[in-house]
């Protein structure tokens, strides 16, 4: 298990620099997730491969870092979110090339005509057969989406917590996720991705006395609605990469539990799961308690999972459950990162550490197995 005492700087230092072509002389599964190596060993292997790859790039001229200067520009108005601007392109987009010996993943320049792109969060609706009525979700399309009509993108679901709504992650005084995404894009830390924020409440709606129930229960099949029905809606409306290796689901607090629970019930749709300050035992029973549910998965399904957990060191609500769940995942040989940071069960904590979970997600996109 990764040591919980790591700093943010330690984590950033080991992340893959997505601005460079990443080369592997064998299938990435052989180098990491399916090799039986521990997470620390996997990271060291990735570093070694990255060094070898950089040398090969220098010697053979296979690829070079895109010459694009991307910055984040803040507006003078406190009511406006910052925008991404670039002197030569709107975005660098994620693409994949592969053969039997070589897997190449890169962020590449795709447009020289548009100088500036905003990230816009908007709400959409659809008629849900599962929930029996109109449902709402939020979406942020990646930079360059409209200018690149043949490009397909990874997908990230962000679930809200108790007393939240689909907009919570993107409200400035709460999650402020637009700012986080722009910084990640500007530094090539995250490939342009489609971000979806579902509505986690069942047919009873939201109250200050009840958390969302991310389960299939007597008041609605929320787990099926989000984990299957909404996935199909997103696939039909947007240009997504189809494989579960490019689909991530995460959340905060009860949304952290919900993301892990829904992800474990829908491993055919999601391979990457992450939780901030979540819990892993639910009052509804073992079927919706990830610490029990994960043990029922087949070895193949466990092997395909990548899970990120974090909790604040002063978070008496969730810290111990995160430690226990991390131990369980390690025993089951599921690729897992568990981190502890200073902080409590608060929006300030979640705002600060969304960067960490999305950096983890980005790394998993890079090392995803080839699609067949």
Protein backbone atom coordinates (compact mmCIF):
# COMPACT_ATOMS: atom_id res chain seq x y z
CA UNK A 1 0.00 0.00 0.00
CA UNK A 2 1.22 3.50 -0.73
CA UNK A 3 2.39 5.25 2.42
CA UNK A 4 -0.25 7.65 3.67
CA UNK A 5 2.28 10.28 4.64
CA UNK A 6 3.12 11.30 1.08
CA UNK A 7 3.02 14.97 0.24
CA UNK A 8 1.37 16.53 -2.78
CA UNK A 9 4.84 17.29 -4.13
CA UNK A 10 5.82 13.60 -3.92
CA UNK A 11 2.77 12.59 -5.91
CA UNK A 12 3.26 15.28 -8.54
CA UNK A 13 6.90 14.30 -8.98
CA UNK A 14 6.02 10.74 -9.95
CA UNK A 15 3.16 11.54 -12.35
CA UNK A 16 3.57 10.87 -16.04
CA UNK A 17 4.30 13.97 -18.10
CA UNK A 18 1.59 13.76 -20.74
CA UNK A 19 3.31 16.30 -22.97
CA UNK A 20 5.75 13.62 -24.09
CA UNK A 21 5.06 10.47 -26.03
CA UNK A 22 5.16 7.58 -23.57
CA UNK A 23 6.81 4.44 -24.92
CA UNK A 24 6.62 0.90 -23.57
CA UNK A 25 8.47 -2.06 -25.07
CA UNK A 26 5.75 -4.40 -23.83
CA UNK A 27 2.03 -4.15 -23.24
CA UNK A 28 1.42 -1.88 -20.22
CA UNK A 29 -0.50 -4.66 -18.48
CA UNK A 30 2.72 -6.68 -18.42
CA UNK A 31 4.45 -3.72 -16.79
CA UNK A 32 1.93 -3.00 -14.11
CA UNK A 33 -1.59 -3.88 -13.21
CA UNK A 34 -1.54 -7.56 -14.20
CA UNK A 35 2.06 -8.25 -13.30
CA UNK A 36 1.56 -8.83 -9.59
CA UNK A 37 3.77 -5.87 -8.77
CA UNK A 38 2.90 -3.62 -5.86
CA UNK A 39 1.82 -0.07 -6.65
CA UNK A 40 5.20 1.37 -5.62
CA UNK A 41 6.95 -1.15 -7.90
CA UNK A 42 4.59 -0.27 -10.73
CA UNK A 43 5.43 3.40 -10.34
CA UNK A 44 9.15 2.67 -10.46
CA UNK A 45 8.64 0.53 -13.56
CA UNK A 46 6.72 3.35 -15.23
CA UNK A 47 9.52 5.77 -14.40
CA UNK A 48 12.11 3.43 -15.90
CA UNK A 49 10.03 2.97 -19.03
CA UNK A 50 9.61 6.74 -19.28
CA UNK A 51 13.40 7.22 -19.12
CA UNK A 52 13.95 4.58 -21.80
CA UNK A 53 11.21 6.12 -23.90
CA UNK A 54 12.72 9.58 -23.64
CA UNK A 55 16.06 8.20 -24.80
CA UNK A 56 14.44 6.44 -27.74
CA UNK A 57 12.65 9.64 -28.71
CA UNK A 58 15.93 11.53 -28.70
CA UNK A 59 17.74 8.90 -30.76
CA UNK A 60 15.09 8.09 -33.32
CA UNK A 61 13.01 11.25 -33.60
CA UNK A 62 9.80 9.29 -33.07
CA UNK A 63 8.10 12.22 -31.42
CA UNK A 64 8.65 15.58 -29.81
CA UNK A 65 6.94 17.77 -27.27
CA UNK A 66 4.27 19.95 -28.90
CA UNK A 67 5.42 23.55 -29.16
CA UNK A 68 2.33 25.07 -27.61
CA UNK A 69 2.27 27.68 -24.87
CA UNK A 70 -0.90 27.27 -22.86
CA UNK A 71 -1.79 29.53 -19.94
CA UNK A 72 -4.69 30.09 -17.61
CA UNK A 73 -6.16 33.59 -17.78
CA UNK A 74 -8.11 34.96 -14.82
CA UNK A 75 -10.98 37.38 -15.38
CA UNK A 76 -11.17 40.59 -13.36
CA UNK A 77 -14.73 39.76 -12.42
CA UNK A 78 -15.16 37.46 -9.44
CA UNK A 79 -18.37 36.17 -10.98
CA UNK A 80 -16.60 34.71 -14.02
CA UNK A 81 -14.51 31.57 -14.15
CA UNK A 82 -11.08 31.74 -15.82
CA UNK A 83 -10.63 30.63 -19.40
CA UNK A 84 -7.96 28.66 -21.19
CA UNK A 85 -6.03 30.55 -23.82
CA UNK A 86 -3.34 29.43 -26.24
CA UNK A 87 -1.23 31.33 -28.71
CA UNK A 88 -1.38 28.61 -31.34
CA UNK A 89 -4.19 26.16 -30.64
CA UNK A 90 -7.32 25.60 -28.65
CA UNK A 91 -6.25 22.28 -27.19
CA UNK A 92 -4.06 19.25 -27.24
CA UNK A 93 -6.16 16.15 -27.66
CA UNK A 94 -5.70 12.63 -26.50
CA UNK A 95 -4.97 10.01 -29.12
CA UNK A 96 -3.69 6.47 -29.27
CA UNK A 97 -1.59 4.53 -31.74
CA UNK A 98 -0.42 0.97 -31.16
CA UNK A 99 1.01 -2.20 -32.64
CA UNK A 100 2.07 -5.53 -31.18
CA UNK A 101 5.35 -4.17 -29.85
CA UNK A 102 4.72 -0.51 -29.14
CA UNK A 103 2.02 1.57 -27.49
CA UNK A 104 2.16 5.31 -28.06
CA UNK A 105 -0.03 7.74 -26.15
CA UNK A 106 0.24 11.43 -26.69
CA UNK A 107 -1.39 14.79 -26.38
CA UNK A 108 -1.29 16.40 -29.77
CA UNK A 109 -2.04 19.77 -31.30
CA UNK A 110 -5.15 19.61 -33.47
CA UNK A 111 -6.10 23.20 -34.26
CA UNK A 112 -4.18 26.30 -35.25
CA UNK A 113 -7.15 28.53 -35.96
CA UNK A 114 -8.84 29.35 -32.66
CA UNK A 115 -6.93 31.33 -30.07
CA UNK A 116 -9.14 30.97 -27.02
CA UNK A 117 -11.63 28.49 -25.57
CA UNK A 118 -13.77 28.64 -22.44
CA UNK A 119 -14.81 25.65 -20.37
CA UNK A 120 -18.57 25.91 -19.99
CA UNK A 121 -20.63 23.99 -17.47
CA UNK A 122 -24.27 23.46 -18.41
CA UNK A 123 -27.24 21.39 -17.27
CA UNK A 124 -28.98 18.93 -19.57
CA UNK A 125 -32.09 16.77 -19.14
CA UNK A 126 -33.42 13.51 -20.52
CA UNK A 127 -36.40 11.25 -19.94
CA UNK A 128 -35.38 8.37 -17.70
CA UNK A 129 -37.15 5.06 -18.05
CA UNK A 130 -35.36 3.75 -14.98
CA UNK A 131 -36.49 6.64 -12.76
CA UNK A 132 -39.80 7.24 -14.54
CA UNK A 133 -39.43 10.91 -15.40
CA UNK A 134 -37.15 13.75 -16.40
CA UNK A 135 -33.64 13.71 -14.94
CA UNK A 136 -30.89 16.32 -14.93
CA UNK A 137 -27.13 16.08 -15.25
CA UNK A 138 -24.33 18.60 -15.72
CA UNK A 139 -21.67 18.45 -18.43
CA UNK A 140 -18.42 20.19 -19.32
CA UNK A 141 -17.09 19.38 -22.77
CA UNK A 142 -13.32 19.48 -23.26
CA UNK A 143 -11.46 22.29 -25.01
CA UNK A 144 -11.43 21.78 -28.75
CA UNK A 145 -14.50 19.53 -28.76
CA UNK A 146 -16.41 21.47 -31.43
CA UNK A 147 -13.32 22.09 -33.57
CA UNK A 148 -12.40 18.39 -33.74
CA UNK A 149 -15.52 16.49 -34.84
CA UNK A 150 -13.81 13.11 -35.23
CA UNK A 151 -12.04 13.08 -31.87
CA UNK A 152 -13.30 10.81 -29.07
CA UNK A 153 -12.69 11.49 -25.39
CA UNK A 154 -12.40 9.83 -21.98
CA UNK A 155 -15.29 10.39 -19.55
CA UNK A 156 -15.26 11.30 -15.84
CA UNK A 157 -18.38 11.19 -13.64
CA UNK A 158 -18.31 13.39 -10.50
CA UNK A 159 -20.92 12.58 -7.84
CA UNK A 160 -22.10 15.12 -5.27
CA UNK A 161 -22.44 14.42 -1.57
CA UNK A 162 -25.14 15.03 1.00
CA UNK A 163 -27.28 18.15 0.52
CA UNK A 164 -25.59 18.62 -2.86
CA UNK A 165 -26.85 18.92 -6.42
CA UNK A 166 -25.41 18.20 -9.88
CA UNK A 167 -23.93 21.72 -9.86
CA UNK A 168 -22.11 21.46 -6.51
CA UNK A 169 -18.74 20.45 -7.94
CA UNK A 170 -18.82 23.51 -10.22
CA UNK A 171 -20.11 26.14 -7.82
CA UNK A 172 -17.33 28.59 -7.09
CA UNK A 173 -17.76 28.56 -3.31
CA UNK A 174 -17.91 24.75 -3.27
CA UNK A 175 -16.04 22.54 -5.74
CA UNK A 176 -14.85 25.23 -8.18
CA UNK A 177 -13.99 22.39 -10.57
CA UNK A 178 -13.70 24.59 -13.67
CA UNK A 179 -10.62 26.23 -12.20
CA UNK A 180 -9.10 22.85 -11.34
CA UNK A 181 -9.77 21.45 -14.81
CA UNK A 182 -8.24 24.45 -16.53
CA UNK A 183 -5.05 24.15 -14.51
CA UNK A 184 -4.82 20.44 -15.28
CA UNK A 185 -5.35 21.03 -19.00
CA UNK A 186 -2.90 23.94 -19.07
CA UNK A 187 -0.14 21.79 -17.55
CA UNK A 188 -0.94 18.72 -19.70
CA UNK A 189 -1.74 16.78 -16.53
CA UNK A 190 -5.17 15.64 -17.71
CA UNK A 191 -6.11 14.82 -21.31
CA UNK A 192 -9.21 16.68 -22.48
CA UNK A 193 -12.15 14.74 -21.04
CA UNK A 194 -15.93 14.86 -20.90
CA UNK A 195 -17.01 15.67 -17.33
CA UNK A 196 -20.49 14.57 -16.17
CA UNK A 197 -22.19 15.45 -12.86
CA UNK A 198 -25.26 13.26 -12.21
CA UNK A 199 -28.20 13.95 -9.90
CA UNK A 200 -27.80 11.52 -7.02
CA UNK A 201 -31.23 11.83 -5.46
CA UNK A 202 -34.02 9.31 -5.82
CA UNK A 203 -37.73 10.02 -6.31
CA UNK A 204 -37.99 11.65 -2.88
CA UNK A 205 -35.67 14.48 -3.92
CA UNK A 206 -33.25 16.28 -1.63
CA UNK A 207 -33.66 17.47 1.96
CA UNK A 208 -31.30 18.66 4.66
CA UNK A 209 -32.03 15.48 6.61
CA UNK A 210 -31.07 12.87 4.02
CA UNK A 211 -27.99 12.03 1.97
CA UNK A 212 -28.36 10.78 -1.60
CA UNK A 213 -28.79 7.02 -1.77
CA UNK A 214 -26.66 5.71 -4.60
CA UNK A 215 -28.38 2.32 -4.61
CA UNK A 216 -31.24 0.47 -6.27
CA UNK A 217 -33.83 0.87 -3.53
CA UNK A 218 -37.57 1.18 -2.96
CA UNK A 219 -37.52 4.86 -3.96
CA UNK A 220 -35.75 4.41 -7.27
CA UNK A 221 -32.91 2.58 -8.96
CA UNK A 222 -30.31 5.32 -8.72
CA UNK A 223 -27.36 2.94 -9.10
CA UNK A 224 -28.75 1.55 -12.36
CA UNK A 225 -29.78 5.02 -13.50
CA UNK A 226 -26.28 6.48 -13.09
CA UNK A 227 -24.14 3.42 -13.69
CA UNK A 228 -25.92 2.17 -16.81
CA UNK A 229 -28.71 4.38 -18.15
CA UNK A 230 -26.83 7.68 -17.92
CA UNK A 231 -23.74 6.02 -19.37
CA UNK A 232 -25.76 5.11 -22.47
CA UNK A 233 -27.19 8.63 -22.70
CA UNK A 234 -23.70 10.12 -22.57
CA UNK A 235 -22.46 7.66 -25.19
CA UNK A 236 -25.34 8.59 -27.48
CA UNK A 237 -24.94 12.37 -27.08
CA UNK A 238 -21.17 12.83 -27.02
CA UNK A 239 -18.09 11.43 -28.73
CA UNK A 240 -16.78 9.11 -26.04
CA UNK A 241 -14.10 6.45 -25.99
CA UNK A 242 -16.14 3.26 -25.51
CA UNK A 243 -13.90 1.06 -23.37
CA UNK A 244 -14.34 1.14 -19.55
CA UNK A 245 -10.60 1.81 -19.26
CA UNK A 246 -11.42 5.38 -20.34
CA UNK A 247 -14.36 5.85 -17.98
CA UNK A 248 -13.87 7.03 -14.41
CA UNK A 249 -16.39 7.66 -11.62
CA UNK A 250 -15.68 9.48 -8.37
CA UNK A 251 -17.22 11.66 -5.73
CA UNK A 252 -17.01 13.19 -2.28
CA UNK A 253 -18.42 12.02 1.06
CA UNK A 254 -21.62 10.05 0.31
CA UNK A 255 -20.78 10.62 -3.35
CA UNK A 256 -17.43 8.93 -2.72
CA UNK A 257 -19.26 5.89 -1.37
CA UNK A 258 -21.73 6.14 -4.26
CA UNK A 259 -18.98 6.25 -6.88
CA UNK A 260 -17.26 3.15 -5.52
CA UNK A 261 -20.58 1.33 -5.04
CA UNK A 262 -21.89 2.15 -8.52
CA UNK A 263 -18.50 1.43 -10.08
CA UNK A 264 -18.27 -2.01 -8.46
CA UNK A 265 -21.79 -2.82 -9.69
CA UNK A 266 -20.91 -1.65 -13.22
CA UNK A 267 -17.38 -2.82 -13.94
CA UNK A 268 -18.35 -3.25 -17.58
CA UNK A 269 -18.75 0.54 -17.77
CA UNK A 270 -16.11 1.88 -15.34
CA UNK A 271 -12.60 0.68 -14.57
CA UNK A 272 -11.35 3.75 -12.67
CA UNK A 273 -12.96 4.62 -9.32
CA UNK A 274 -12.06 7.39 -6.88
CA UNK A 275 -13.37 8.67 -3.58
CA UNK A 276 -12.72 11.74 -1.44
CA UNK A 277 -13.72 11.25 2.22
CA UNK A 278 -16.08 8.42 1.37
CA UNK A 279 -17.37 5.58 3.52
CA UNK A 280 -17.59 1.92 2.59
CA UNK A 281 -20.23 0.35 4.81
CA UNK A 282 -23.84 1.26 4.07
CA UNK A 283 -26.90 0.80 6.26
CA UNK A 284 -28.71 -0.94 3.40
CA UNK A 285 -26.47 -3.99 3.76
CA UNK A 286 -23.49 -5.77 2.26
CA UNK A 287 -24.74 -5.53 -1.34
CA UNK A 288 -24.14 -1.78 -1.23
CA UNK A 289 -21.16 -1.82 1.12
CA UNK A 290 -18.04 -1.72 -1.07
CA UNK A 291 -15.84 -3.31 1.59
CA UNK A 292 -18.04 -6.43 1.30
CA UNK A 293 -19.13 -6.11 -2.32
CA UNK A 294 -15.60 -6.01 -3.70
CA UNK A 295 -14.92 -9.49 -2.31
CA UNK A 296 -17.69 -10.93 -4.49
CA UNK A 297 -16.08 -9.79 -7.74
CA UNK A 298 -14.30 -12.28 -9.96
CA UNK A 299 -10.49 -12.15 -10.11
CA UNK A 300 -10.73 -10.80 -13.67
CA UNK A 301 -12.95 -7.89 -12.61
CA UNK A 302 -10.68 -7.10 -9.68
CA UNK A 303 -7.67 -7.13 -11.97
CA UNK A 304 -9.21 -4.50 -14.23
CA UNK A 305 -9.98 -2.03 -11.42
CA UNK A 306 -7.87 0.98 -10.42
CA UNK A 307 -8.98 2.76 -7.26
CA UNK A 308 -7.94 6.04 -5.62
CA UNK A 309 -8.92 6.94 -2.05
CA UNK A 310 -8.14 9.93 0.14
CA UNK A 311 -9.33 11.35 3.44
CA UNK A 312 -8.37 14.19 5.76
CA UNK A 313 -6.26 13.36 8.78
CA UNK A 314 -8.77 15.22 10.95
CA UNK A 315 -11.80 13.57 9.32
CA UNK A 316 -13.23 11.40 12.08
CA UNK A 317 -16.15 10.53 9.81
CA UNK A 318 -14.29 8.64 7.10
CA UNK A 319 -10.56 8.25 7.80
CA UNK A 320 -10.69 4.85 9.50
CA UNK A 321 -13.08 3.41 6.91
CA UNK A 322 -10.70 4.52 4.15
CA UNK A 323 -7.80 2.80 5.89
CA UNK A 324 -9.81 -0.40 6.32
CA UNK A 325 -11.05 -0.40 2.73
CA UNK A 326 -7.54 0.25 1.42
CA UNK A 327 -6.28 -2.75 3.39
CA UNK A 328 -9.03 -4.92 1.92
CA UNK A 329 -8.19 -3.80 -1.61
CA UNK A 330 -4.53 -4.56 -1.04
CA UNK A 331 -5.39 -8.05 0.20
CA UNK A 332 -7.40 -8.62 -2.99
CA UNK A 333 -4.47 -7.34 -5.10
CA UNK A 334 -6.50 -4.49 -6.59
CA UNK A 335 -4.38 -1.59 -7.86
CA UNK A 336 -5.00 1.10 -5.25
CA UNK A 337 -3.64 4.42 -4.05
CA UNK A 338 -4.66 5.53 -0.55
CA UNK A 339 -3.62 8.98 0.64
CA UNK A 340 -4.10 11.04 3.76
CA UNK A 341 -3.81 14.82 3.77
CA UNK A 342 -4.18 17.47 6.45
CA UNK A 343 -7.80 18.55 6.56
CA UNK A 344 -11.35 17.80 7.58
CA UNK A 345 -14.66 16.78 5.98
CA UNK A 346 -15.14 20.03 4.08
CA UNK A 347 -15.38 21.68 0.68
CA UNK A 348 -12.03 23.33 1.29
CA UNK A 349 -10.45 19.89 1.50
CA UNK A 350 -12.28 18.53 -1.58
CA UNK A 351 -11.45 21.59 -3.70
CA UNK A 352 -7.80 21.22 -2.87
CA UNK A 353 -7.53 17.50 -3.60
CA UNK A 354 -9.63 17.09 -6.73
CA UNK A 355 -6.32 17.73 -8.49
CA UNK A 356 -4.86 14.61 -6.87
CA UNK A 357 -7.66 12.27 -7.86
CA UNK A 358 -7.82 13.58 -11.44
CA UNK A 359 -4.04 13.22 -11.75
CA UNK A 360 -4.47 9.58 -10.77
CA UNK A 361 -7.30 9.21 -13.30
CA UNK A 362 -5.09 10.69 -16.01
CA UNK A 363 -2.34 8.18 -15.28
CA UNK A 364 -4.81 5.33 -15.66
CA UNK A 365 -6.00 6.69 -19.01
CA UNK A 366 -2.39 6.65 -20.21
CA UNK A 367 -1.76 3.06 -19.12
CA UNK A 368 -5.11 1.68 -20.24
CA UNK A 369 -4.86 -1.63 -22.14
CA UNK A 370 -5.24 -1.49 -25.88
CA UNK A 371 -8.79 -1.75 -27.18
CA UNK A 372 -9.55 -4.94 -29.08
